[in-house]
Amino acid sequence: MLGVFDILGVIVIMLAAYLPLDWITWVAMIIIMKGLIFAMMRNFVSFIDIACGLYIILLAHGIHHWIPTLGTVLFLGQKGAFSLL
């Protein structure tokens, strides 16, 4: 069920230029909080979730590059897809 937020993160990244800053920030904060909760259980992948959420916040403020954007989209997309299977 939490994979829905990963897919939502991918959609937000793709539409970041058209979405309000508040929406992008909320999705990023959800991904960061989800990462923090599972990071307490020593899950390494959750630290990457936190990094993806922080990158989405940077993206919302106009700080972006295609390489981390592609990495974030691929990571969140595959994680979201596999969790929904």
Protein backbone atom coordinates (compact mmCIF):
# COMPACT_ATOMS: atom_id res chain seq x y z
CA MET A 1 0.00 0.00 0.00
CA LEU A 2 2.87 2.39 0.68
CA GLY A 3 4.03 1.88 -2.89
CA VAL A 4 1.28 4.29 -3.95
CA PHE A 5 3.33 7.11 -2.43
CA ASP A 6 6.36 6.04 -4.46
CA ILE A 7 4.31 6.12 -7.67
CA LEU A 8 2.90 9.49 -6.61
CA GLY A 9 6.48 10.70 -6.15
CA VAL A 10 7.31 9.71 -9.72
CA ILE A 11 4.24 11.55 -11.01
CA VAL A 12 5.17 14.63 -9.00
CA ILE A 13 8.72 14.58 -10.40
CA MET A 14 7.40 14.36 -13.94
CA LEU A 15 4.93 17.21 -13.40
CA ALA A 16 7.05 19.33 -11.04
CA ALA A 17 7.10 22.28 -13.43
CA TYR A 18 3.30 22.46 -13.40
CA LEU A 19 2.40 21.60 -9.80
CA PRO A 20 2.21 24.01 -6.87
CA LEU A 21 5.16 24.01 -4.47
CA ASP A 22 2.92 22.87 -1.60
CA TRP A 23 1.87 19.68 -3.39
CA ILE A 24 5.43 18.77 -4.27
CA THR A 25 6.58 19.45 -0.71
CA TRP A 26 3.79 17.30 0.79
CA VAL A 27 4.65 14.32 -1.39
CA ALA A 28 8.35 14.73 -0.62
CA MET A 29 7.64 14.91 3.12
CA ILE A 30 5.51 11.75 2.96
CA ILE A 31 8.36 9.90 1.22
CA ILE A 32 10.86 11.23 3.78
CA MET A 33 8.64 10.25 6.73
CA LYS A 34 8.09 6.79 5.26
CA GLY A 35 11.84 6.46 4.86
CA LEU A 36 12.49 7.58 8.44
CA ILE A 37 10.01 5.10 9.87
CA PHE A 38 11.59 2.16 8.08
CA ALA A 39 15.14 3.46 8.61
CA MET A 40 14.59 2.95 12.34
CA MET A 41 14.40 -0.75 11.53
CA ARG A 42 17.85 -0.54 9.89
CA ASN A 43 16.50 -0.95 6.36
CA PHE A 44 19.15 0.41 3.94
CA VAL A 45 16.66 1.10 1.15
CA SER A 46 14.84 3.53 3.43
CA PHE A 47 17.90 5.78 3.50
CA ILE A 48 17.64 5.99 -0.29
CA ASP A 49 13.95 6.91 0.17
CA ILE A 50 15.01 9.78 2.40
CA ALA A 51 17.53 10.95 -0.20
CA CYS A 52 14.83 10.77 -2.90
CA GLY A 53 12.48 12.87 -0.79
CA LEU A 54 15.19 15.46 -0.19
CA TYR A 55 15.93 15.54 -3.92
CA ILE A 56 12.24 16.13 -4.68
CA ILE A 57 12.35 19.15 -2.35
CA LEU A 58 15.41 20.45 -4.21
CA LEU A 59 13.61 19.83 -7.49
CA ALA A 60 10.66 21.89 -6.28
CA HIS A 61 13.00 24.82 -5.72
CA GLY A 62 14.53 24.57 -9.17
CA ILE A 63 17.71 22.70 -8.27
CA HIS A 64 17.89 19.69 -10.55
CA HIS A 65 20.02 17.68 -12.94
CA TRP A 66 18.93 14.89 -15.24
CA ILE A 67 21.10 12.17 -13.68
CA PRO A 68 19.69 12.28 -10.11
CA THR A 69 16.23 12.90 -11.55
CA LEU A 70 16.48 9.75 -13.65
CA GLY A 71 17.86 7.77 -10.70
CA THR A 72 15.06 8.97 -8.43
CA VAL A 73 12.36 8.18 -11.00
CA LEU A 74 13.76 4.71 -11.66
CA PHE A 75 14.22 3.91 -7.97
CA LEU A 76 10.80 5.12 -6.82
CA GLY A 77 9.07 3.72 -9.90
CA GLN A 78 10.45 0.20 -9.55
CA LYS A 79 9.94 0.21 -5.78
CA GLY A 80 6.36 1.36 -6.17
CA ALA A 81 5.61 -1.11 -8.96
CA PHE A 82 7.05 -4.09 -7.06
CA SER A 83 5.24 -3.19 -3.85
CA LEU A 84 1.91 -3.05 -5.68
CA LEU A 85 2.37 -6.51 -7.27
